[in-house]
Amino acid sequence: MNKVVLVGAGGKMGCRLTDNLIGTDYEVAYLEVSDVGIERMKERQVEPSQPEDVIPLADWVIFAVPDVAIQKVTEQLVPMMKPAAAGVTLDPAAPLAGHLYPRADIHYFATHPSHPSVFNWEPSKEAHYDYFGGIAAKQAIVCALIQGPEEIYADGERLAKTIYAPVTVSHRITIEQMGILEPALSETFGAAVISVLKEGVDRVVELGVPKAAAYDFFLGHINIELALLFGQLEGGQFSDAALKAIELGKPLIFKDNWKDVFEPENVIKQVKAIT
């Protein structure tokens, strides 16, 4: 299963995948409709194909398009796929929202990058500043077999490791669990909390603390606090004063029911809101 079609090859995510597929043992065809995207492809010395010429021959069709476009794109392209070919989504939202074109005789596979950990050690400047991953920094990925026989999972994982390289570990989870990780954990919860952290620093600056001092002080404390909470410092622990401050802070900042964000019905609401 070596023939791949990359849909949205000239988009932001598509370009990342294109860069990692060039020079591999996959036979890749590229689809792109926007003028900007086609120009990006030319920069990479690849040319767009016509869907009717490549989709029927593909073993894998990767949908590197925004969540809001997945339904329309799969409606157009999935009917062209040969039986036993596989569609690959790069996010769990569209599958969970029911936006993948239904076809019982093809397979569906989902994969998503974890992005490089804040605890990564990287030997080069390029890798150190590869915050997104897929260029030089190591990252983990998650994969899920949505529809199809067990034997295609290994091939799907191999493709996922290629498009997100360099990969340290691939975690197999269900598509429902992937939805809990994103959007619920990483975006609805995580990005919201981190945005409030930034608002907190902004407020401290408004109160007169020099911006550079606030940034240095807070980002340094975030680093050690993450290390303590996520088991990176064996035997390390918060001071008694810090524990008391945490006890005082949580009820001031969080609602009692904040963990409801991870409940299945709320995950589906989040998924539908972004698709």
C-alpha atoms as a PDB file:
ATOM      1  CA  MET A   1       0.000   0.000   0.000  1.00  0.00           C
ATOM      2  CA  ASN A   2       2.414   2.632  -1.252  1.00  0.00           C
ATOM      3  CA  LYS A   3       0.352   4.964  -3.443  1.00  0.00           C
ATOM      4  CA  VAL A   4      -0.620   8.113  -1.556  1.00  0.00           C
ATOM      5  CA  VAL A   5      -2.724  11.110  -2.545  1.00  0.00           C
ATOM      6  CA  LEU A   6      -2.268  14.195  -0.381  1.00  0.00           C
ATOM      7  CA  VAL A   7      -5.347  16.422  -0.509  1.00  0.00           C
ATOM      8  CA  GLY A   8      -4.648  20.043   0.409  1.00  0.00           C
ATOM      9  CA  ALA A   9      -0.956  19.621  -0.316  1.00  0.00           C
ATOM     10  CA  GLY A  10      -0.328  23.365  -0.555  1.00  0.00           C
ATOM     11  CA  GLY A  11      -1.984  24.289   2.741  1.00  0.00           C
ATOM     12  CA  LYS A  12      -0.140  24.974   5.979  1.00  0.00           C
ATOM     13  CA  MET A  13      -0.401  21.385   7.177  1.00  0.00           C
ATOM     14  CA  GLY A  14      -0.209  20.004   3.651  1.00  0.00           C
ATOM     15  CA  CYS A  15       3.159  21.655   3.056  1.00  0.00           C
ATOM     16  CA  ARG A  16       4.553  20.086   6.225  1.00  0.00           C
ATOM     17  CA  LEU A  17       3.402  16.678   5.055  1.00  0.00           C
ATOM     18  CA  THR A  18       4.649  17.284   1.527  1.00  0.00           C
ATOM     19  CA  ASP A  19       8.116  18.085   2.862  1.00  0.00           C
ATOM     20  CA  ASN A  20       8.195  14.815   4.794  1.00  0.00           C
ATOM     21  CA  LEU A  21       6.821  12.659   1.967  1.00  0.00           C
ATOM     22  CA  ILE A  22       9.315  13.880  -0.643  1.00  0.00           C
ATOM     23  CA  GLY A  23      12.123  11.377  -1.001  1.00  0.00           C
ATOM     24  CA  THR A  24      10.345   8.512   0.775  1.00  0.00           C
ATOM     25  CA  ASP A  25       9.378   5.169  -0.736  1.00  0.00           C
ATOM     26  CA  TYR A  26       5.773   6.337  -1.115  1.00  0.00           C
ATOM     27  CA  GLU A  27       4.487   7.150  -4.587  1.00  0.00           C
ATOM     28  CA  VAL A  28       2.750  10.471  -3.928  1.00  0.00           C
ATOM     29  CA  ALA A  29       0.294  12.556  -5.931  1.00  0.00           C
ATOM     30  CA  TYR A  30      -0.733  16.013  -4.745  1.00  0.00           C
ATOM     31  CA  LEU A  31      -4.076  17.806  -4.914  1.00  0.00           C
ATOM     32  CA  GLU A  32      -4.515  21.534  -4.344  1.00  0.00           C
ATOM     33  CA  VAL A  33      -7.113  24.054  -5.563  1.00  0.00           C
ATOM     34  CA  SER A  34      -5.923  27.430  -4.248  1.00  0.00           C
ATOM     35  CA  ASP A  35      -3.507  29.630  -6.183  1.00  0.00           C
ATOM     36  CA  VAL A  36      -1.485  30.313  -3.026  1.00  0.00           C
ATOM     37  CA  GLY A  37      -1.256  26.606  -2.299  1.00  0.00           C
ATOM     38  CA  ILE A  38      -0.140  25.804  -5.850  1.00  0.00           C
ATOM     39  CA  GLU A  39       2.617  28.407  -5.542  1.00  0.00           C
ATOM     40  CA  ARG A  40       3.796  26.764  -2.318  1.00  0.00           C
ATOM     41  CA  MET A  41       3.879  23.432  -4.142  1.00  0.00           C
ATOM     42  CA  LYS A  42       5.983  24.919  -6.933  1.00  0.00           C
ATOM     43  CA  GLU A  43       8.467  26.068  -4.297  1.00  0.00           C
ATOM     44  CA  ARG A  44       8.771  22.384  -3.380  1.00  0.00           C
ATOM     45  CA  GLN A  45       9.033  21.349  -7.021  1.00  0.00           C
ATOM     46  CA  VAL A  46       5.828  19.302  -7.002  1.00  0.00           C
ATOM     47  CA  GLU A  47       2.835  19.726  -9.280  1.00  0.00           C
ATOM     48  CA  PRO A  48      -0.870  19.256  -8.534  1.00  0.00           C
ATOM     49  CA  SER A  49      -2.709  16.367 -10.166  1.00  0.00           C
ATOM     50  CA  GLN A  50      -6.347  15.987 -11.176  1.00  0.00           C
ATOM     51  CA  PRO A  51      -8.483  14.028  -8.693  1.00  0.00           C
ATOM     52  CA  GLU A  52      -9.965  11.713 -11.301  1.00  0.00           C
ATOM     53  CA  ASP A  53      -6.470  10.718 -12.426  1.00  0.00           C
ATOM     54  CA  VAL A  54      -5.047   9.764  -9.029  1.00  0.00           C
ATOM     55  CA  ILE A  55      -7.783   9.067  -6.467  1.00  0.00           C
ATOM     56  CA  PRO A  56      -8.946   5.788  -8.097  1.00  0.00           C
ATOM     57  CA  LEU A  57      -5.363   4.459  -7.951  1.00  0.00           C
ATOM     58  CA  ALA A  58      -4.541   5.496  -4.400  1.00  0.00           C
ATOM     59  CA  ASP A  59      -4.017   3.131  -1.486  1.00  0.00           C
ATOM     60  CA  TRP A  60      -4.110   6.081   0.943  1.00  0.00           C
ATOM     61  CA  VAL A  61      -5.882   9.418   0.612  1.00  0.00           C
ATOM     62  CA  ILE A  62      -4.755  11.941   3.240  1.00  0.00           C
ATOM     63  CA  PHE A  63      -7.232  14.751   3.895  1.00  0.00           C
ATOM     64  CA  ALA A  64      -5.019  17.672   4.948  1.00  0.00           C
ATOM     65  CA  VAL A  65      -7.874  20.168   4.863  1.00  0.00           C
ATOM     66  CA  PRO A  66      -9.607  22.235   7.580  1.00  0.00           C
ATOM     67  CA  ASP A  67     -12.218  20.505   9.736  1.00  0.00           C
ATOM     68  CA  VAL A  68     -14.969  22.675   8.263  1.00  0.00           C
ATOM     69  CA  ALA A  69     -14.114  21.435   4.753  1.00  0.00           C
ATOM     70  CA  ILE A  70     -13.790  17.699   5.433  1.00  0.00           C
ATOM     71  CA  GLN A  71     -17.444  16.860   4.775  1.00  0.00           C
ATOM     72  CA  LYS A  72     -17.548  18.555   1.377  1.00  0.00           C
ATOM     73  CA  VAL A  73     -14.132  17.236   0.337  1.00  0.00           C
ATOM     74  CA  THR A  74     -14.875  13.620   1.283  1.00  0.00           C
ATOM     75  CA  GLU A  75     -18.240  13.815  -0.481  1.00  0.00           C
ATOM     76  CA  GLN A  76     -16.375  14.741  -3.653  1.00  0.00           C
ATOM     77  CA  LEU A  77     -13.415  12.388  -3.430  1.00  0.00           C
ATOM     78  CA  VAL A  78     -14.333   9.276  -1.434  1.00  0.00           C
ATOM     79  CA  PRO A  79     -16.731   7.965  -4.142  1.00  0.00           C
ATOM     80  CA  MET A  80     -13.708   7.856  -6.487  1.00  0.00           C
ATOM     81  CA  MET A  81     -11.632   5.680  -4.141  1.00  0.00           C
ATOM     82  CA  LYS A  82     -11.095   2.034  -4.972  1.00  0.00           C
ATOM     83  CA  PRO A  83     -12.443  -0.606  -2.577  1.00  0.00           C
ATOM     84  CA  ALA A  84     -10.096  -1.363   0.353  1.00  0.00           C
ATOM     85  CA  ALA A  85      -8.308   1.985  -0.013  1.00  0.00           C
ATOM     86  CA  ALA A  86      -7.972   4.081   3.142  1.00  0.00           C
ATOM     87  CA  GLY A  87      -8.862   7.671   3.929  1.00  0.00           C
ATOM     88  CA  VAL A  88      -6.655   9.373   6.516  1.00  0.00           C
ATOM     89  CA  THR A  89      -7.825  12.267   8.690  1.00  0.00           C
ATOM     90  CA  LEU A  90      -5.384  14.389  10.655  1.00  0.00           C
ATOM     91  CA  ASP A  91      -7.847  15.293  13.392  1.00  0.00           C
ATOM     92  CA  PRO A  92     -10.648  13.445  15.230  1.00  0.00           C
ATOM     93  CA  ALA A  93     -13.236  16.227  14.957  1.00  0.00           C
ATOM     94  CA  ALA A  94     -14.671  15.381  11.535  1.00  0.00           C
ATOM     95  CA  PRO A  95     -15.011  11.631  12.202  1.00  0.00           C
ATOM     96  CA  LEU A  96     -16.663  12.246  15.573  1.00  0.00           C
ATOM     97  CA  ALA A  97     -19.040  14.788  14.018  1.00  0.00           C
ATOM     98  CA  GLY A  98     -20.057  12.233  11.395  1.00  0.00           C
ATOM     99  CA  HIS A  99     -18.595  14.280   8.553  1.00  0.00           C
ATOM    100  CA  LEU A 100     -16.673  11.533   6.767  1.00  0.00           C
ATOM    101  CA  TYR A 101     -18.432  10.318   3.637  1.00  0.00           C
ATOM    102  CA  PRO A 102     -19.879   6.887   4.498  1.00  0.00           C
ATOM    103  CA  ARG A 103     -18.588   3.965   2.459  1.00  0.00           C
ATOM    104  CA  ALA A 104     -18.481   0.461   3.884  1.00  0.00           C
ATOM    105  CA  ASP A 105     -15.924  -0.906   1.416  1.00  0.00           C
ATOM    106  CA  ILE A 106     -13.091   1.499   2.280  1.00  0.00           C
ATOM    107  CA  HIS A 107     -11.116   2.092   5.469  1.00  0.00           C
ATOM    108  CA  TYR A 108     -10.655   5.172   7.642  1.00  0.00           C
ATOM    109  CA  PHE A 109      -7.613   5.944   9.787  1.00  0.00           C
ATOM    110  CA  ALA A 110      -6.902   8.962  12.013  1.00  0.00           C
ATOM    111  CA  THR A 111      -3.611  10.320  13.283  1.00  0.00           C
ATOM    112  CA  HIS A 112      -2.517  13.496  15.032  1.00  0.00           C
ATOM    113  CA  PRO A 113       0.821  14.835  16.298  1.00  0.00           C
ATOM    114  CA  SER A 114       1.415  15.457  19.996  1.00  0.00           C
ATOM    115  CA  HIS A 115       3.962  18.176  19.053  1.00  0.00           C
ATOM    116  CA  PRO A 116       7.382  18.311  20.738  1.00  0.00           C
ATOM    117  CA  SER A 117       7.226  18.093  24.518  1.00  0.00           C
ATOM    118  CA  VAL A 118       8.287  21.011  26.691  1.00  0.00           C
ATOM    119  CA  PHE A 119      10.666  18.493  28.250  1.00  0.00           C
ATOM    120  CA  ASN A 120      12.383  17.594  24.970  1.00  0.00           C
ATOM    121  CA  TRP A 121      16.148  17.764  24.864  1.00  0.00           C
ATOM    122  CA  GLU A 122      17.278  18.651  21.362  1.00  0.00           C
ATOM    123  CA  PRO A 123      20.924  18.781  20.254  1.00  0.00           C
ATOM    124  CA  SER A 124      20.541  21.474  17.591  1.00  0.00           C
ATOM    125  CA  LYS A 125      19.156  25.003  17.431  1.00  0.00           C
ATOM    126  CA  GLU A 126      16.869  24.007  14.534  1.00  0.00           C
ATOM    127  CA  ALA A 127      15.333  21.176  16.537  1.00  0.00           C
ATOM    128  CA  HIS A 128      15.113  23.223  19.731  1.00  0.00           C
ATOM    129  CA  TYR A 129      13.008  25.882  18.007  1.00  0.00           C
ATOM    130  CA  ASP A 130      10.848  23.423  16.029  1.00  0.00           C
ATOM    131  CA  TYR A 131       7.889  23.995  18.334  1.00  0.00           C
ATOM    132  CA  PHE A 132       5.326  22.497  15.962  1.00  0.00           C
ATOM    133  CA  GLY A 133       7.298  19.356  15.136  1.00  0.00           C
ATOM    134  CA  GLY A 134       7.647  17.454  11.902  1.00  0.00           C
ATOM    135  CA  ILE A 135      10.842  19.231  10.882  1.00  0.00           C
ATOM    136  CA  ALA A 136      13.673  18.457  13.286  1.00  0.00           C
ATOM    137  CA  ALA A 137      12.279  18.087  16.812  1.00  0.00           C
ATOM    138  CA  LYS A 138      11.197  14.694  18.133  1.00  0.00           C
ATOM    139  CA  GLN A 139       7.516  14.186  18.903  1.00  0.00           C
ATOM    140  CA  ALA A 140       5.016  11.506  19.838  1.00  0.00           C
ATOM    141  CA  ILE A 141       1.880  10.840  17.787  1.00  0.00           C
ATOM    142  CA  VAL A 142      -1.503   9.215  18.337  1.00  0.00           C
ATOM    143  CA  CYS A 143      -3.286   6.919  15.878  1.00  0.00           C
ATOM    144  CA  ALA A 144      -6.727   5.326  15.640  1.00  0.00           C
ATOM    145  CA  LEU A 145      -8.289   2.823  13.275  1.00  0.00           C
ATOM    146  CA  ILE A 146     -11.755   4.232  12.643  1.00  0.00           C
ATOM    147  CA  GLN A 147     -13.012   1.692  10.128  1.00  0.00           C
ATOM    148  CA  GLY A 148     -11.393  -1.337   8.545  1.00  0.00           C
ATOM    149  CA  PRO A 149      -9.581  -4.593   9.320  1.00  0.00           C
ATOM    150  CA  GLU A 150      -6.919  -4.847  11.980  1.00  0.00           C
ATOM    151  CA  GLU A 151      -4.205  -5.668   9.464  1.00  0.00           C
ATOM    152  CA  ILE A 152      -4.176  -2.163   7.955  1.00  0.00           C
ATOM    153  CA  TYR A 153      -3.304  -0.487  11.260  1.00  0.00           C
ATOM    154  CA  ALA A 154       0.434  -1.149  10.964  1.00  0.00           C
ATOM    155  CA  ASP A 155       0.526   0.342   7.455  1.00  0.00           C
ATOM    156  CA  GLY A 156      -1.405   3.382   8.633  1.00  0.00           C
ATOM    157  CA  GLU A 157       0.961   3.868  11.545  1.00  0.00           C
ATOM    158  CA  ARG A 158       3.975   3.620   9.245  1.00  0.00           C
ATOM    159  CA  LEU A 159       2.521   6.357   7.051  1.00  0.00           C
ATOM    160  CA  ALA A 160       1.767   8.486  10.133  1.00  0.00           C
ATOM    161  CA  LYS A 161       5.340   8.134  11.379  1.00  0.00           C
ATOM    162  CA  THR A 162       6.541   9.287   7.964  1.00  0.00           C
ATOM    163  CA  ILE A 163       4.402  12.408   7.684  1.00  0.00           C
ATOM    164  CA  TYR A 164       5.145  13.499  11.268  1.00  0.00           C
ATOM    165  CA  ALA A 165       8.828  12.488  11.411  1.00  0.00           C
ATOM    166  CA  PRO A 166      10.896  12.390  13.550  1.00  0.00           C
ATOM    167  CA  VAL A 167       8.598  10.358  15.818  1.00  0.00           C
ATOM    168  CA  THR A 168       9.629   8.931  19.190  1.00  0.00           C
ATOM    169  CA  VAL A 169       6.553   6.841  19.964  1.00  0.00           C
ATOM    170  CA  SER A 170       3.161   6.148  18.414  1.00  0.00           C
ATOM    171  CA  HIS A 171       0.256   5.653  20.824  1.00  0.00           C
ATOM    172  CA  ARG A 172      -2.694   3.586  19.652  1.00  0.00           C
ATOM    173  CA  ILE A 173      -5.988   4.931  20.980  1.00  0.00           C
ATOM    174  CA  THR A 174      -9.634   5.003  19.898  1.00  0.00           C
ATOM    175  CA  ILE A 175     -11.130   7.842  17.885  1.00  0.00           C
ATOM    176  CA  GLU A 176     -13.254   8.728  20.925  1.00  0.00           C
ATOM    177  CA  GLN A 177     -10.135   8.978  23.086  1.00  0.00           C
ATOM    178  CA  MET A 178      -8.509  11.145  20.435  1.00  0.00           C
ATOM    179  CA  GLY A 179     -11.466  13.511  20.726  1.00  0.00           C
ATOM    180  CA  ILE A 180     -10.909  13.744  24.480  1.00  0.00           C
ATOM    181  CA  LEU A 181      -7.278  14.672  23.795  1.00  0.00           C
ATOM    182  CA  GLU A 182      -8.262  17.185  21.100  1.00  0.00           C
ATOM    183  CA  PRO A 183     -10.211  19.364  21.223  1.00  0.00           C
ATOM    184  CA  ALA A 184     -11.150  18.742  24.890  1.00  0.00           C
ATOM    185  CA  LEU A 185      -7.798  18.415  26.692  1.00  0.00           C
ATOM    186  CA  SER A 186      -5.389  20.299  24.448  1.00  0.00           C
ATOM    187  CA  GLU A 187      -7.599  23.128  23.206  1.00  0.00           C
ATOM    188  CA  THR A 188     -10.876  23.615  25.074  1.00  0.00           C
ATOM    189  CA  PHE A 189      -9.113  23.055  28.394  1.00  0.00           C
ATOM    190  CA  GLY A 190      -5.380  23.475  27.775  1.00  0.00           C
ATOM    191  CA  ALA A 191      -5.370  26.403  25.382  1.00  0.00           C
ATOM    192  CA  ALA A 192      -8.026  28.175  27.458  1.00  0.00           C
ATOM    193  CA  VAL A 193      -5.977  27.771  30.644  1.00  0.00           C
ATOM    194  CA  ILE A 194      -2.784  28.899  28.918  1.00  0.00           C
ATOM    195  CA  SER A 195      -4.542  31.951  27.475  1.00  0.00           C
ATOM    196  CA  VAL A 196      -5.572  32.856  31.031  1.00  0.00           C
ATOM    197  CA  LEU A 197      -1.945  32.440  32.144  1.00  0.00           C
ATOM    198  CA  LYS A 198      -0.987  35.017  29.522  1.00  0.00           C
ATOM    199  CA  GLU A 199      -3.799  37.310  30.685  1.00  0.00           C
ATOM    200  CA  GLY A 200      -2.455  36.976  34.222  1.00  0.00           C
ATOM    201  CA  VAL A 201       0.990  38.112  33.142  1.00  0.00           C
ATOM    202  CA  ASP A 202      -0.569  40.992  31.184  1.00  0.00           C
ATOM    203  CA  ARG A 203      -2.433  42.068  34.318  1.00  0.00           C
ATOM    204  CA  VAL A 204       0.754  42.021  36.398  1.00  0.00           C
ATOM    205  CA  VAL A 205       2.395  44.248  33.777  1.00  0.00           C
ATOM    206  CA  GLU A 206      -0.598  46.616  33.943  1.00  0.00           C
ATOM    207  CA  LEU A 207      -0.009  46.839  37.697  1.00  0.00           C
ATOM    208  CA  GLY A 208       3.482  48.175  37.088  1.00  0.00           C
ATOM    209  CA  VAL A 209       5.804  45.147  37.027  1.00  0.00           C
ATOM    210  CA  PRO A 210       8.296  45.523  34.145  1.00  0.00           C
ATOM    211  CA  LYS A 211       7.267  43.262  31.280  1.00  0.00           C
ATOM    212  CA  ALA A 212      10.672  41.602  30.940  1.00  0.00           C
ATOM    213  CA  ALA A 213      10.788  40.847  34.657  1.00  0.00           C
ATOM    214  CA  ALA A 214       7.261  39.422  34.626  1.00  0.00           C
ATOM    215  CA  TYR A 215       7.980  37.189  31.618  1.00  0.00           C
ATOM    216  CA  ASP A 216      11.286  35.889  32.988  1.00  0.00           C
ATOM    217  CA  PHE A 217       9.870  35.260  36.433  1.00  0.00           C
ATOM    218  CA  PHE A 218       6.652  33.583  35.309  1.00  0.00           C
ATOM    219  CA  LEU A 219       8.058  31.433  32.501  1.00  0.00           C
ATOM    220  CA  GLY A 220      10.805  30.197  34.786  1.00  0.00           C
ATOM    221  CA  HIS A 221       8.257  29.268  37.439  1.00  0.00           C
ATOM    222  CA  ILE A 222       6.079  27.519  34.849  1.00  0.00           C
ATOM    223  CA  ASN A 223       9.088  25.429  33.865  1.00  0.00           C
ATOM    224  CA  ILE A 224       9.794  24.164  37.379  1.00  0.00           C
ATOM    225  CA  GLU A 225       6.114  23.737  38.227  1.00  0.00           C
ATOM    226  CA  LEU A 226       5.536  21.605  35.128  1.00  0.00           C
ATOM    227  CA  ALA A 227       8.601  19.538  35.980  1.00  0.00           C
ATOM    228  CA  LEU A 228       7.334  18.942  39.512  1.00  0.00           C
ATOM    229  CA  LEU A 229       3.773  18.061  38.512  1.00  0.00           C
ATOM    230  CA  PHE A 230       4.682  15.823  35.555  1.00  0.00           C
ATOM    231  CA  GLY A 231       7.287  13.734  37.312  1.00  0.00           C
ATOM    232  CA  GLN A 232      10.440  15.166  35.798  1.00  0.00           C
ATOM    233  CA  LEU A 233      12.197  15.800  39.128  1.00  0.00           C
ATOM    234  CA  GLU A 234      12.489  12.643  41.199  1.00  0.00           C
ATOM    235  CA  GLY A 235      11.735  13.469  44.805  1.00  0.00           C
ATOM    236  CA  GLY A 236      10.879  17.072  43.978  1.00  0.00           C
ATOM    237  CA  GLN A 237       7.868  18.697  45.588  1.00  0.00           C
ATOM    238  CA  PHE A 238       6.194  22.045  46.090  1.00  0.00           C
ATOM    239  CA  SER A 239       7.033  24.021  49.207  1.00  0.00           C
ATOM    240  CA  ASP A 240       4.436  24.208  51.961  1.00  0.00           C
ATOM    241  CA  ALA A 241       3.803  27.839  51.049  1.00  0.00           C
ATOM    242  CA  ALA A 242       3.280  26.960  47.379  1.00  0.00           C
ATOM    243  CA  LEU A 243       0.825  24.195  48.298  1.00  0.00           C
ATOM    244  CA  LYS A 244      -1.134  26.677  50.414  1.00  0.00           C
ATOM    245  CA  ALA A 245      -1.191  29.160  47.541  1.00  0.00           C
ATOM    246  CA  ILE A 246      -2.534  26.453  45.199  1.00  0.00           C
ATOM    247  CA  GLU A 247      -5.253  25.614  47.723  1.00  0.00           C
ATOM    248  CA  LEU A 248      -6.251  29.284  47.886  1.00  0.00           C
ATOM    249  CA  GLY A 249      -6.039  29.846  44.130  1.00  0.00           C
ATOM    250  CA  LYS A 250      -8.107  27.012  42.691  1.00  0.00           C
ATOM    251  CA  PRO A 251     -11.523  28.059  44.068  1.00  0.00           C
ATOM    252  CA  LEU A 252     -10.847  31.666  43.047  1.00  0.00           C
ATOM    253  CA  ILE A 253     -10.164  30.670  39.430  1.00  0.00           C
ATOM    254  CA  PHE A 254     -12.057  27.467  38.592  1.00  0.00           C
ATOM    255  CA  LYS A 255     -15.703  26.466  38.748  1.00  0.00           C
ATOM    256  CA  ASP A 256     -16.472  23.318  40.752  1.00  0.00           C
ATOM    257  CA  ASN A 257     -17.678  21.508  37.609  1.00  0.00           C
ATOM    258  CA  TRP A 258     -14.736  22.369  35.333  1.00  0.00           C
ATOM    259  CA  LYS A 259     -13.932  18.692  34.709  1.00  0.00           C
ATOM    260  CA  ASP A 260     -17.249  18.347  32.863  1.00  0.00           C
ATOM    261  CA  VAL A 261     -15.371  19.616  29.804  1.00  0.00           C
ATOM    262  CA  PHE A 262     -14.122  16.034  29.327  1.00  0.00           C
ATOM    263  CA  GLU A 263     -17.527  14.321  29.508  1.00  0.00           C
ATOM    264  CA  PRO A 264     -18.584  12.634  26.228  1.00  0.00           C
ATOM    265  CA  GLU A 265     -21.588  14.865  25.605  1.00  0.00           C
ATOM    266  CA  ASN A 266     -19.466  17.976  26.055  1.00  0.00           C
ATOM    267  CA  VAL A 267     -16.713  16.632  23.806  1.00  0.00           C
ATOM    268  CA  ILE A 268     -19.284  16.131  21.036  1.00  0.00           C
ATOM    269  CA  LYS A 269     -20.538  19.692  21.536  1.00  0.00           C
ATOM    270  CA  GLN A 270     -16.984  20.965  21.158  1.00  0.00           C
ATOM    271  CA  VAL A 271     -16.441  18.849  18.050  1.00  0.00           C
ATOM    272  CA  LYS A 272     -19.621  20.109  16.412  1.00  0.00           C
ATOM    273  CA  ALA A 273     -18.722  23.704  17.235  1.00  0.00           C
ATOM    274  CA  ILE A 274     -15.437  23.509  15.310  1.00  0.00           C
ATOM    275  CA  THR A 275     -16.679  21.516  12.326  1.00  0.00           C
END
